[in-house]
PDB file of N, CA and C in Angstrom:
ATOM      1  N   MET A   1     133.321 114.065  96.246  1.00  0.00           N
ATOM      2  CA  MET A   1     132.465 114.812  97.141  1.00  0.00           C
ATOM      3  C   MET A   1     131.747 115.897  96.339  1.00  0.00           C
ATOM      4  N   LEU A   2     130.484 116.097  96.656  1.00  0.00           N
ATOM      5  CA  LEU A   2     129.695 117.082  95.944  1.00  0.00           C
ATOM      6  C   LEU A   2     129.914 118.483  96.510  1.00  0.00           C
ATOM      7  N   GLU A   3     129.927 119.440  95.606  1.00  0.00           N
ATOM      8  CA  GLU A   3     130.007 120.846  96.002  1.00  0.00           C
ATOM      9  C   GLU A   3     128.652 121.282  96.557  1.00  0.00           C
ATOM     10  N   ARG A   4     128.622 122.423  97.208  1.00  0.00           N
ATOM     11  CA  ARG A   4     127.400 122.947  97.821  1.00  0.00           C
ATOM     12  C   ARG A   4     126.291 123.127  96.787  1.00  0.00           C
ATOM     13  N   GLN A   5     126.595 123.683  95.617  1.00  0.00           N
ATOM     14  CA  GLN A   5     125.599 123.901  94.568  1.00  0.00           C
ATOM     15  C   GLN A   5     125.068 122.563  94.038  1.00  0.00           C
ATOM     16  N   GLU A   6     125.931 121.576  93.936  1.00  0.00           N
ATOM     17  CA  GLU A   6     125.519 120.260  93.459  1.00  0.00           C
ATOM     18  C   GLU A   6     124.587 119.585  94.475  1.00  0.00           C
ATOM     19  N   LYS A   7     124.895 119.733  95.742  1.00  0.00           N
ATOM     20  CA  LYS A   7     124.021 119.179  96.783  1.00  0.00           C
ATOM     21  C   LYS A   7     122.647 119.840  96.728  1.00  0.00           C
ATOM     22  N   THR A   8     122.639 121.165  96.563  1.00  0.00           N
ATOM     23  CA  THR A   8     121.370 121.901  96.467  1.00  0.00           C
ATOM     24  C   THR A   8     120.569 121.431  95.259  1.00  0.00           C
ATOM     25  N   ALA A   9     121.235 121.296  94.125  1.00  0.00           N
ATOM     26  CA  ALA A   9     120.552 120.837  92.915  1.00  0.00           C
ATOM     27  C   ALA A   9     120.009 119.423  93.085  1.00  0.00           C
ATOM     28  N   LEU A  10     120.779 118.559  93.714  1.00  0.00           N
ATOM     29  CA  LEU A  10     120.342 117.182  93.944  1.00  0.00           C
ATOM     30  C   LEU A  10     119.125 117.147  94.874  1.00  0.00           C
ATOM     31  N   LEU A  11     119.146 117.932  95.935  1.00  0.00           N
ATOM     32  CA  LEU A  11     118.006 118.005  96.850  1.00  0.00           C
ATOM     33  C   LEU A  11     116.762 118.533  96.151  1.00  0.00           C
ATOM     34  N   MET A  12     116.943 119.528  95.292  1.00  0.00           N
ATOM     35  CA  MET A  12     115.806 120.069  94.543  1.00  0.00           C
ATOM     36  C   MET A  12     115.237 119.019  93.594  1.00  0.00           C
ATOM     37  N   LEU A  13     116.102 118.285  92.942  1.00  0.00           N
ATOM     38  CA  LEU A  13     115.668 117.234  92.024  1.00  0.00           C
ATOM     39  C   LEU A  13     114.896 116.144  92.764  1.00  0.00           C
ATOM     40  N   VAL A  14     115.403 115.709  93.894  1.00  0.00           N
ATOM     41  CA  VAL A  14     114.720 114.695  94.700  1.00  0.00           C
ATOM     42  C   VAL A  14     113.363 115.244  95.167  1.00  0.00           C
ATOM     43  N   GLY A  15     113.325 116.501  95.565  1.00  0.00           N
ATOM     44  CA  GLY A  15     112.064 117.114  95.993  1.00  0.00           C
ATOM     45  C   GLY A  15     111.031 117.137  94.885  1.00  0.00           C
ATOM     46  N   VAL A  16     111.450 117.473  93.678  1.00  0.00           N
ATOM     47  CA  VAL A  16     110.533 117.502  92.535  1.00  0.00           C
ATOM     48  C   VAL A  16     110.005 116.096  92.247  1.00  0.00           C
ATOM     49  N   VAL A  17     110.863 115.099  92.285  1.00  0.00           N
ATOM     50  CA  VAL A  17     110.437 113.716  92.049  1.00  0.00           C
ATOM     51  C   VAL A  17     109.415 113.285  93.099  1.00  0.00           C
ATOM     52  N   VAL A  18     109.645 113.621  94.355  1.00  0.00           N
ATOM     53  CA  VAL A  18     108.715 113.266  95.426  1.00  0.00           C
ATOM     54  C   VAL A  18     107.363 113.945  95.218  1.00  0.00           C
ATOM     55  N   VAL A  19     107.369 115.204  94.852  1.00  0.00           N
ATOM     56  CA  VAL A  19     106.117 115.931  94.618  1.00  0.00           C
ATOM     57  C   VAL A  19     105.348 115.318  93.447  1.00  0.00           C
ATOM     58  N   ILE A  20     106.027 114.987  92.364  1.00  0.00           N
ATOM     59  CA  ILE A  20     105.367 114.386  91.201  1.00  0.00           C
ATOM     60  C   ILE A  20     104.803 113.013  91.562  1.00  0.00           C
ATOM     61  N   LEU A  21     105.550 112.217  92.271  1.00  0.00           N
ATOM     62  CA  LEU A  21     105.077 110.901  92.693  1.00  0.00           C
ATOM     63  C   LEU A  21     103.853 111.029  93.601  1.00  0.00           C
ATOM     64  N   ALA A  22     103.888 111.945  94.545  1.00  0.00           N
ATOM     65  CA  ALA A  22     102.751 112.149  95.446  1.00  0.00           C
ATOM     66  C   ALA A  22     101.519 112.609  94.671  1.00  0.00           C
ATOM     67  N   ALA A  23     101.706 113.526  93.717  1.00  0.00           N
ATOM     68  CA  ALA A  23     100.583 113.991  92.902  1.00  0.00           C
ATOM     69  C   ALA A  23      99.991 112.846  92.092  1.00  0.00           C
ATOM     70  N   HIS A  24     100.844 112.000  91.546  1.00  0.00           N
ATOM     71  CA  HIS A  24     100.369 110.850  90.767  1.00  0.00           C
ATOM     72  C   HIS A  24      99.549 109.901  91.641  1.00  0.00           C
ATOM     73  N   LEU A  25     100.040 109.586  92.814  1.00  0.00           N
ATOM     74  CA  LEU A  25      99.329 108.686  93.717  1.00  0.00           C
ATOM     75  C   LEU A  25      98.005 109.286  94.179  1.00  0.00           C
ATOM     76  N   LEU A  26      97.997 110.563  94.483  1.00  0.00           N
ATOM     77  CA  LEU A  26      96.763 111.223  94.895  1.00  0.00           C
ATOM     78  C   LEU A  26      95.755 111.271  93.760  1.00  0.00           C
ATOM     79  N   PHE A  27      96.229 111.508  92.538  1.00  0.00           N
ATOM     80  CA  PHE A  27      95.333 111.527  91.386  1.00  0.00           C
ATOM     81  C   PHE A  27      94.685 110.168  91.201  1.00  0.00           C
ATOM     82  N   ASP A  28      95.486 109.109  91.262  1.00  0.00           N
ATOM     83  CA  ASP A  28      94.941 107.754  91.106  1.00  0.00           C
ATOM     84  C   ASP A  28      93.910 107.452  92.179  1.00  0.00           C
ATOM     85  N   ALA A  29      94.152 107.914  93.386  1.00  0.00           N
ATOM     86  CA  ALA A  29      93.279 107.570  94.497  1.00  0.00           C
ATOM     87  C   ALA A  29      91.997 108.398  94.539  1.00  0.00           C
ATOM     88  N   PHE A  30      92.073 109.689  94.185  1.00  0.00           N
ATOM     89  CA  PHE A  30      90.941 110.565  94.453  1.00  0.00           C
ATOM     90  C   PHE A  30      90.405 111.345  93.264  1.00  0.00           C
ATOM     91  N   ALA A  31      91.205 111.625  92.269  1.00  0.00           N
ATOM     92  CA  ALA A  31      90.788 112.580  91.246  1.00  0.00           C
ATOM     93  C   ALA A  31      90.076 111.962  90.048  1.00  0.00           C
ATOM     94  N   MET A  32      90.174 110.660  89.854  1.00  0.00           N
ATOM     95  CA  MET A  32      89.563 110.067  88.677  1.00  0.00           C
ATOM     96  C   MET A  32      88.072 110.408  88.557  1.00  0.00           C
ATOM     97  N   PRO A  33      87.294 110.298  89.632  1.00  0.00           N
ATOM     98  CA  PRO A  33      85.883 110.676  89.505  1.00  0.00           C
ATOM     99  C   PRO A  33      85.676 112.146  89.141  1.00  0.00           C
ATOM    100  N   LEU A  34      86.644 112.980  89.455  1.00  0.00           N
ATOM    101  CA  LEU A  34      86.507 114.403  89.158  1.00  0.00           C
ATOM    102  C   LEU A  34      86.768 114.734  87.695  1.00  0.00           C
ATOM    103  N   VAL A  35      87.597 113.937  87.021  1.00  0.00           N
ATOM    104  CA  VAL A  35      87.972 114.262  85.644  1.00  0.00           C
ATOM    105  C   VAL A  35      87.341 113.345  84.607  1.00  0.00           C
ATOM    106  N   ALA A  36      86.744 112.237  85.034  1.00  0.00           N
ATOM    107  CA  ALA A  36      86.126 111.324  84.079  1.00  0.00           C
ATOM    108  C   ALA A  36      84.804 111.910  83.577  1.00  0.00           C
ATOM    109  N   THR A  37      84.534 111.670  82.297  1.00  0.00           N
ATOM    110  CA  THR A  37      83.317 112.150  81.654  1.00  0.00           C
ATOM    111  C   THR A  37      82.343 110.987  81.514  1.00  0.00           C
ATOM    112  N   PRO A  38      81.069 111.184  81.840  1.00  0.00           N
ATOM    113  CA  PRO A  38      80.106 110.105  81.608  1.00  0.00           C
ATOM    114  C   PRO A  38      80.146 109.673  80.142  1.00  0.00           C
ATOM    115  N   TYR A  39      80.129 108.383  79.893  1.00  0.00           N
ATOM    116  CA  TYR A  39      80.284 107.852  78.542  1.00  0.00           C
ATOM    117  C   TYR A  39      79.130 108.297  77.644  1.00  0.00           C
ATOM    118  N   SER A  40      79.499 108.671  76.430  1.00  0.00           N
ATOM    119  CA  SER A  40      78.532 108.903  75.361  1.00  0.00           C
ATOM    120  C   SER A  40      79.227 108.571  74.043  1.00  0.00           C
ATOM    121  N   GLU A  41      78.457 108.304  73.026  1.00  0.00           N
ATOM    122  CA  GLU A  41      79.015 107.955  71.715  1.00  0.00           C
ATOM    123  C   GLU A  41      79.817 109.109  71.113  1.00  0.00           C
ATOM    124  N   ASP A  42      79.607 110.318  71.599  1.00  0.00           N
ATOM    125  CA  ASP A  42      80.278 111.500  71.056  1.00  0.00           C
ATOM    126  C   ASP A  42      81.692 111.698  71.577  1.00  0.00           C
ATOM    127  N   LEU A  43      82.083 110.978  72.624  1.00  0.00           N
ATOM    128  CA  LEU A  43      83.411 111.174  73.201  1.00  0.00           C
ATOM    129  C   LEU A  43      84.492 110.717  72.226  1.00  0.00           C
ATOM    130  N   PRO A  44      85.542 111.499  72.065  1.00  0.00           N
ATOM    131  CA  PRO A  44      86.636 111.085  71.176  1.00  0.00           C
ATOM    132  C   PRO A  44      87.481 109.984  71.811  1.00  0.00           C
ATOM    133  N   ASP A  45      88.153 109.215  70.968  1.00  0.00           N
ATOM    134  CA  ASP A  45      89.076 108.196  71.462  1.00  0.00           C
ATOM    135  C   ASP A  45      90.102 108.836  72.381  1.00  0.00           C
ATOM    136  N   GLY A  46      90.462 108.120  73.443  1.00  0.00           N
ATOM    137  CA  GLY A  46      91.451 108.612  74.392  1.00  0.00           C
ATOM    138  C   GLY A  46      90.860 109.326  75.586  1.00  0.00           C
ATOM    139  N   THR A  47      89.547 109.554  75.596  1.00  0.00           N
ATOM    140  CA  THR A  47      88.897 110.248  76.699  1.00  0.00           C
ATOM    141  C   THR A  47      88.697 109.303  77.869  1.00  0.00           C
ATOM    142  N   LEU A  48      88.947 109.788  79.078  1.00  0.00           N
ATOM    143  CA  LEU A  48      88.665 109.016  80.282  1.00  0.00           C
ATOM    144  C   LEU A  48      87.166 109.104  80.535  1.00  0.00           C
ATOM    145  N   ALA A  49      86.498 107.947  80.557  1.00  0.00           N
ATOM    146  CA  ALA A  49      85.048 107.911  80.706  1.00  0.00           C
ATOM    147  C   ALA A  49      84.663 107.083  81.921  1.00  0.00           C
ATOM    148  N   VAL A  50      83.477 107.367  82.433  1.00  0.00           N
ATOM    149  CA  VAL A  50      82.907 106.588  83.521  1.00  0.00           C
ATOM    150  C   VAL A  50      81.577 106.009  83.048  1.00  0.00           C
ATOM    151  N   ILE A  51      81.351 104.756  83.428  1.00  0.00           N
ATOM    152  CA  ILE A  51      80.094 104.078  83.118  1.00  0.00           C
ATOM    153  C   ILE A  51      79.543 103.535  84.433  1.00  0.00           C
ATOM    154  N   GLU A  52      78.278 103.807  84.698  1.00  0.00           N
ATOM    155  CA  GLU A  52      77.611 103.249  85.867  1.00  0.00           C
ATOM    156  C   GLU A  52      76.403 102.477  85.376  1.00  0.00           C
ATOM    157  N   GLY A  53      76.238 101.265  85.869  1.00  0.00           N
ATOM    158  CA  GLY A  53      75.085 100.482  85.464  1.00  0.00           C
ATOM    159  C   GLY A  53      75.219  99.030  85.844  1.00  0.00           C
ATOM    160  N   GLN A  54      74.424  98.200  85.186  1.00  0.00           N
ATOM    161  CA  GLN A  54      74.427  96.772  85.460  1.00  0.00           C
ATOM    162  C   GLN A  54      75.123  96.013  84.337  1.00  0.00           C
ATOM    163  N   ILE A  55      75.807  94.954  84.711  1.00  0.00           N
ATOM    164  CA  ILE A  55      76.456  94.089  83.725  1.00  0.00           C
ATOM    165  C   ILE A  55      75.365  93.270  83.037  1.00  0.00           C
ATOM    166  N   GLU A  56      75.267  93.447  81.731  1.00  0.00           N
ATOM    167  CA  GLU A  56      74.245  92.741  80.962  1.00  0.00           C
ATOM    168  C   GLU A  56      74.761  91.443  80.365  1.00  0.00           C
ATOM    169  N   ASP A  57      76.070  91.410  80.063  1.00  0.00           N
ATOM    170  CA  ASP A  57      76.645  90.231  79.412  1.00  0.00           C
ATOM    171  C   ASP A  57      78.135  90.164  79.735  1.00  0.00           C
ATOM    172  N   ILE A  58      78.644  88.947  79.836  1.00  0.00           N
ATOM    173  CA  ILE A  58      80.068  88.713  80.092  1.00  0.00           C
ATOM    174  C   ILE A  58      80.549  87.684  79.083  1.00  0.00           C
ATOM    175  N   LYS A  59      81.575  88.038  78.318  1.00  0.00           N
ATOM    176  CA  LYS A  59      82.143  87.110  77.346  1.00  0.00           C
ATOM    177  C   LYS A  59      83.654  87.079  77.501  1.00  0.00           C
ATOM    178  N   ALA A  60      84.221  85.887  77.384  1.00  0.00           N
ATOM    179  CA  ALA A  60      85.679  85.746  77.359  1.00  0.00           C
ATOM    180  C   ALA A  60      86.137  85.844  75.914  1.00  0.00           C
ATOM    181  N   THR A  61      87.296  86.450  75.698  1.00  0.00           N
ATOM    182  CA  THR A  61      87.840  86.502  74.346  1.00  0.00           C
ATOM    183  C   THR A  61      88.374  85.127  73.963  1.00  0.00           C
ATOM    184  N   ALA A  62      88.521  84.902  72.673  1.00  0.00           N
ATOM    185  CA  ALA A  62      88.987  83.596  72.190  1.00  0.00           C
ATOM    186  C   ALA A  62      90.398  83.290  72.670  1.00  0.00           C
ATOM    187  N   THR A  63      91.223  84.316  72.803  1.00  0.00           N
ATOM    188  CA  THR A  63      92.593  84.119  73.271  1.00  0.00           C
ATOM    189  C   THR A  63      92.949  85.216  74.263  1.00  0.00           C
ATOM    190  N   GLY A  64      93.931  84.961  75.092  1.00  0.00           N
ATOM    191  CA  GLY A  64      94.484  85.997  75.957  1.00  0.00           C
ATOM    192  C   GLY A  64      93.884  86.111  77.332  1.00  0.00           C
ATOM    193  N   GLY A  65      92.755  85.468  77.598  1.00  0.00           N
ATOM    194  CA  GLY A  65      92.159  85.549  78.926  1.00  0.00           C
ATOM    195  C   GLY A  65      91.484  86.866  79.240  1.00  0.00           C
ATOM    196  N   HIS A  66      91.164  87.642  78.218  1.00  0.00           N
ATOM    197  CA  HIS A  66      90.497  88.926  78.419  1.00  0.00           C
ATOM    198  C   HIS A  66      88.989  88.714  78.555  1.00  0.00           C
ATOM    199  N   LEU A  67      88.302  89.718  79.093  1.00  0.00           N
ATOM    200  CA  LEU A  67      86.848  89.693  79.176  1.00  0.00           C
ATOM    201  C   LEU A  67      86.261  90.895  78.467  1.00  0.00           C
ATOM    202  N   ILE A  68      85.077  90.700  77.934  1.00  0.00           N
ATOM    203  CA  ILE A  68      84.310  91.809  77.373  1.00  0.00           C
ATOM    204  C   ILE A  68      82.973  91.833  78.096  1.00  0.00           C
ATOM    205  N   LEU A  69      82.738  92.921  78.810  1.00  0.00           N
ATOM    206  CA  LEU A  69      81.474  93.117  79.506  1.00  0.00           C
ATOM    207  C   LEU A  69      80.593  94.022  78.673  1.00  0.00           C
ATOM    208  N   THR A  70      79.301  93.840  78.795  1.00  0.00           N
ATOM    209  CA  THR A  70      78.352  94.797  78.240  1.00  0.00           C
ATOM    210  C   THR A  70      77.651  95.436  79.419  1.00  0.00           C
ATOM    211  N   VAL A  71      77.816  96.756  79.540  1.00  0.00           N
ATOM    212  CA  VAL A  71      77.214  97.532  80.627  1.00  0.00           C
ATOM    213  C   VAL A  71      76.433  98.662  79.981  1.00  0.00           C
ATOM    214  N   ASN A  72      75.127  98.700  80.213  1.00  0.00           N
ATOM    215  CA  ASN A  72      74.274  99.727  79.594  1.00  0.00           C
ATOM    216  C   ASN A  72      74.443  99.747  78.082  1.00  0.00           C
ATOM    217  N   GLU A  73      74.563  98.581  77.476  1.00  0.00           N
ATOM    218  CA  GLU A  73      74.732  98.408  76.029  1.00  0.00           C
ATOM    219  C   GLU A  73      76.065  98.961  75.522  1.00  0.00           C
ATOM    220  N   ILE A  74      77.025  99.155  76.415  1.00  0.00           N
ATOM    221  CA  ILE A  74      78.353  99.651  76.060  1.00  0.00           C
ATOM    222  C   ILE A  74      79.343  98.509  76.241  1.00  0.00           C
ATOM    223  N   MET A  75      80.197  98.294  75.240  1.00  0.00           N
ATOM    224  CA  MET A  75      81.222  97.265  75.331  1.00  0.00           C
ATOM    225  C   MET A  75      82.351  97.766  76.220  1.00  0.00           C
ATOM    226  N   VAL A  76      82.769  96.931  77.180  1.00  0.00           N
ATOM    227  CA  VAL A  76      83.854  97.271  78.094  1.00  0.00           C
ATOM    228  C   VAL A  76      84.888  96.154  78.012  1.00  0.00           C
ATOM    229  N   PHE A  77      86.116  96.509  77.624  1.00  0.00           N
ATOM    230  CA  PHE A  77      87.196  95.533  77.482  1.00  0.00           C
ATOM    231  C   PHE A  77      88.020  95.504  78.755  1.00  0.00           C
ATOM    232  N   LEU A  78      88.195  94.291  79.297  1.00  0.00           N
ATOM    233  CA  LEU A  78      89.035  94.099  80.477  1.00  0.00           C
ATOM    234  C   LEU A  78      90.222  93.229  80.091  1.00  0.00           C
ATOM    235  N   PRO A  79      91.432  93.781  80.067  1.00  0.00           N
ATOM    236  CA  PRO A  79      92.609  92.964  79.784  1.00  0.00           C
ATOM    237  C   PRO A  79      92.756  91.860  80.827  1.00  0.00           C
ATOM    238  N   GLU A  80      93.503  90.857  80.503  1.00  0.00           N
ATOM    239  CA  GLU A  80      93.674  89.678  81.359  1.00  0.00           C
ATOM    240  C   GLU A  80      94.103  90.054  82.774  1.00  0.00           C
ATOM    241  N   ASN A  81      95.009  91.022  82.926  1.00  0.00           N
ATOM    242  CA  ASN A  81      95.482  91.404  84.264  1.00  0.00           C
ATOM    243  C   ASN A  81      94.372  92.026  85.109  1.00  0.00           C
ATOM    244  N   VAL A  82      93.357  92.574  84.490  1.00  0.00           N
ATOM    245  CA  VAL A  82      92.208  93.126  85.216  1.00  0.00           C
ATOM    246  C   VAL A  82      91.140  92.047  85.398  1.00  0.00           C
ATOM    247  N   ALA A  83      90.906  91.277  84.345  1.00  0.00           N
ATOM    248  CA  ALA A  83      89.831  90.285  84.347  1.00  0.00           C
ATOM    249  C   ALA A  83      90.024  89.206  85.403  1.00  0.00           C
ATOM    250  N   THR A  84      91.258  88.853  85.698  1.00  0.00           N
ATOM    251  CA  THR A  84      91.498  87.755  86.639  1.00  0.00           C
ATOM    252  C   THR A  84      91.478  88.183  88.099  1.00  0.00           C
ATOM    253  N   THR A  85      91.428  89.486  88.355  1.00  0.00           N
ATOM    254  CA  THR A  85      91.498  89.949  89.741  1.00  0.00           C
ATOM    255  C   THR A  85      90.137  90.070  90.414  1.00  0.00           C
ATOM    256  N   LEU A  86      89.071  90.116  89.634  1.00  0.00           N
ATOM    257  CA  LEU A  86      87.729  90.291  90.190  1.00  0.00           C
ATOM    258  C   LEU A  86      86.785  89.246  89.614  1.00  0.00           C
ATOM    259  N   GLU A  87      85.721  88.971  90.340  1.00  0.00           N
ATOM    260  CA  GLU A  87      84.687  88.086  89.818  1.00  0.00           C
ATOM    261  C   GLU A  87      83.491  88.934  89.408  1.00  0.00           C
ATOM    262  N   PHE A  88      82.954  88.619  88.238  1.00  0.00           N
ATOM    263  CA  PHE A  88      81.840  89.383  87.693  1.00  0.00           C
ATOM    264  C   PHE A  88      80.644  88.466  87.527  1.00  0.00           C
ATOM    265  N   SER A  89      79.460  89.032  87.685  1.00  0.00           N
ATOM    266  CA  SER A  89      78.239  88.277  87.425  1.00  0.00           C
ATOM    267  C   SER A  89      77.249  89.185  86.719  1.00  0.00           C
ATOM    268  N   GLU A  90      76.442  88.582  85.885  1.00  0.00           N
ATOM    269  CA  GLU A  90      75.427  89.363  85.190  1.00  0.00           C
ATOM    270  C   GLU A  90      74.477  89.975  86.207  1.00  0.00           C
ATOM    271  N   ASN A  91      73.976  91.153  85.865  1.00  0.00           N
ATOM    272  CA  ASN A  91      73.062  91.947  86.690  1.00  0.00           C
ATOM    273  C   ASN A  91      73.730  92.599  87.894  1.00  0.00           C
ATOM    274  N   ALA A  92      75.050  92.431  88.058  1.00  0.00           N
ATOM    275  CA  ALA A  92      75.757  93.123  89.138  1.00  0.00           C
ATOM    276  C   ALA A  92      75.881  94.604  88.774  1.00  0.00           C
ATOM    277  N   SER A  93      75.761  95.464  89.759  1.00  0.00           N
ATOM    278  CA  SER A  93      75.911  96.898  89.547  1.00  0.00           C
ATOM    279  C   SER A  93      77.381  97.278  89.665  1.00  0.00           C
ATOM    280  N   VAL A  94      77.862  98.074  88.705  1.00  0.00           N
ATOM    281  CA  VAL A  94      79.262  98.458  88.680  1.00  0.00           C
ATOM    282  C   VAL A  94      79.422  99.926  88.305  1.00  0.00           C
ATOM    283  N   THR A  95      80.562 100.462  88.694  1.00  0.00           N
ATOM    284  CA  THR A  95      81.048 101.744  88.185  1.00  0.00           C
ATOM    285  C   THR A  95      82.415 101.452  87.608  1.00  0.00           C
ATOM    286  N   LEU A  96      82.626 101.821  86.337  1.00  0.00           N
ATOM    287  CA  LEU A  96      83.868 101.532  85.623  1.00  0.00           C
ATOM    288  C   LEU A  96      84.473 102.823  85.095  1.00  0.00           C
ATOM    289  N   TYR A  97      85.795 102.922  85.198  1.00  0.00           N
ATOM    290  CA  TYR A  97      86.531 104.035  84.608  1.00  0.00           C
ATOM    291  C   TYR A  97      87.458 103.454  83.554  1.00  0.00           C
ATOM    292  N   GLY A  98      87.464 104.040  82.369  1.00  0.00           N
ATOM    293  CA  GLY A  98      88.331 103.533  81.321  1.00  0.00           C
ATOM    294  C   GLY A  98      88.479 104.525  80.190  1.00  0.00           C
ATOM    295  N   THR A  99      89.302 104.128  79.243  1.00  0.00           N
ATOM    296  CA  THR A  99      89.621 104.977  78.101  1.00  0.00           C
ATOM    297  C   THR A  99      88.775 104.565  76.905  1.00  0.00           C
ATOM    298  N   VAL A 100      88.155 105.537  76.272  1.00  0.00           N
ATOM    299  CA  VAL A 100      87.334 105.276  75.091  1.00  0.00           C
ATOM    300  C   VAL A 100      88.250 104.976  73.914  1.00  0.00           C
ATOM    301  N   GLN A 101      87.893 103.948  73.149  1.00  0.00           N
ATOM    302  CA  GLN A 101      88.644 103.651  71.928  1.00  0.00           C
ATOM    303  C   GLN A 101      87.717 103.012  70.908  1.00  0.00           C
ATOM    304  N   THR A 102      88.152 103.029  69.667  1.00  0.00           N
ATOM    305  CA  THR A 102      87.439 102.361  68.590  1.00  0.00           C
ATOM    306  C   THR A 102      88.272 101.158  68.187  1.00  0.00           C
ATOM    307  N   TYR A 103      87.667  99.965  68.247  1.00  0.00           N
ATOM    308  CA  TYR A 103      88.372  98.734  67.907  1.00  0.00           C
ATOM    309  C   TYR A 103      87.569  98.027  66.825  1.00  0.00           C
ATOM    310  N   ARG A 104      88.196  97.852  65.687  1.00  0.00           N
ATOM    311  CA  ARG A 104      87.541  97.215  64.535  1.00  0.00           C
ATOM    312  C   ARG A 104      86.201  97.864  64.219  1.00  0.00           C
ATOM    313  N   GLY A 105      86.188  99.187  64.292  1.00  0.00           N
ATOM    314  CA  GLY A 105      85.005  99.953  63.939  1.00  0.00           C
ATOM    315  C   GLY A 105      83.944 100.048  65.020  1.00  0.00           C
ATOM    316  N   LYS A 106      84.178  99.442  66.163  1.00  0.00           N
ATOM    317  CA  LYS A 106      83.203  99.484  67.248  1.00  0.00           C
ATOM    318  C   LYS A 106      83.766 100.248  68.428  1.00  0.00           C
ATOM    319  N   ARG A 107      82.908 101.022  69.076  1.00  0.00           N
ATOM    320  CA  ARG A 107      83.306 101.796  70.249  1.00  0.00           C
ATOM    321  C   ARG A 107      83.347 100.898  71.479  1.00  0.00           C
ATOM    322  N   GLU A 108      84.360 101.114  72.315  1.00  0.00           N
ATOM    323  CA  GLU A 108      84.467 100.381  73.564  1.00  0.00           C
ATOM    324  C   GLU A 108      85.226 101.225  74.574  1.00  0.00           C
ATOM    325  N   VAL A 109      85.125 100.804  75.817  1.00  0.00           N
ATOM    326  CA  VAL A 109      85.865 101.445  76.897  1.00  0.00           C
ATOM    327  C   VAL A 109      86.831 100.403  77.450  1.00  0.00           C
ATOM    328  N   VAL A 110      88.109 100.767  77.558  1.00  0.00           N
ATOM    329  CA  VAL A 110      89.145  99.850  78.040  1.00  0.00           C
ATOM    330  C   VAL A 110      89.492 100.209  79.474  1.00  0.00           C
ATOM    331  N   VAL A 111      89.307  99.246  80.372  1.00  0.00           N
ATOM    332  CA  VAL A 111      89.634  99.429  81.783  1.00  0.00           C
ATOM    333  C   VAL A 111      91.051  98.908  81.986  1.00  0.00           C
ATOM    334  N   ASN A 112      91.934  99.726  82.532  1.00  0.00           N
ATOM    335  CA  ASN A 112      93.350  99.367  82.621  1.00  0.00           C
ATOM    336  C   ASN A 112      93.820  98.883  83.985  1.00  0.00           C
ATOM    337  N   SER A 113      92.978  98.976  85.001  1.00  0.00           N
ATOM    338  CA  SER A 113      93.413  98.594  86.348  1.00  0.00           C
ATOM    339  C   SER A 113      92.225  98.077  87.143  1.00  0.00           C
ATOM    340  N   PRO A 114      92.445  97.099  88.000  1.00  0.00           N
ATOM    341  CA  PRO A 114      91.355  96.639  88.864  1.00  0.00           C
ATOM    342  C   PRO A 114      90.810  97.754  89.763  1.00  0.00           C
ATOM    343  N   ARG A 115      91.637  98.750  90.071  1.00  0.00           N
ATOM    344  CA  ARG A 115      91.179  99.878  90.899  1.00  0.00           C
ATOM    345  C   ARG A 115      90.133 100.713  90.181  1.00  0.00           C
ATOM    346  N   ASP A 116      90.029 100.571  88.855  1.00  0.00           N
ATOM    347  CA  ASP A 116      89.090 101.359  88.069  1.00  0.00           C
ATOM    348  C   ASP A 116      87.706 100.734  87.996  1.00  0.00           C
ATOM    349  N   ILE A 117      87.490  99.660  88.759  1.00  0.00           N
ATOM    350  CA  ILE A 117      86.202  98.979  88.797  1.00  0.00           C
ATOM    351  C   ILE A 117      85.705  98.963  90.228  1.00  0.00           C
ATOM    352  N   GLN A 118      84.490  99.408  90.410  1.00  0.00           N
ATOM    353  CA  GLN A 118      83.887  99.386  91.731  1.00  0.00           C
ATOM    354  C   GLN A 118      82.577  98.610  91.636  1.00  0.00           C
ATOM    355  N   MET A 119      82.525  97.502  92.350  1.00  0.00           N
ATOM    356  CA  MET A 119      81.302  96.713  92.413  1.00  0.00           C
ATOM    357  C   MET A 119      80.394  97.359  93.454  1.00  0.00           C
ATOM    358  N   ARG A 120      79.126  97.532  93.122  1.00  0.00           N
ATOM    359  CA  ARG A 120      78.184  98.162  94.045  1.00  0.00           C
ATOM    360  C   ARG A 120      77.114  97.153  94.442  1.00  0.00           C
ATOM    361  N   GLY A 121      76.732  97.199  95.706  1.00  0.00           N
ATOM    362  CA  GLY A 121      75.684  96.368  96.300  1.00  0.00           C
ATOM    363  C   GLY A 121      75.012  95.529  95.370  1.00  0.00           C
TER     364      GLY A 121
END
């Protein structure tokens, strides 16, 4: 049986976990547009960036089922778990959120979740 102080500590710990989980879910749902920076070549690797524009090109990678989109002349990497959840077409308008990285000397934005892609009219 737990002592009174142990029960209090356990309740506080559970409360902190609930608050952190709620903050994480709210951030994913609402805050990304507030903290993402419009993409530019000057952004350092690891920056959360947003790209708005039209899909100019769609290519599948040689292995892995990944896709590489070109949006506003910017390379956008979609891992297989993201690429298979949505259908893309050239000239479609999109808003993408992803992390800037340099891969084999080329700049790209990596989209990590289907929720980070919004197809527009």
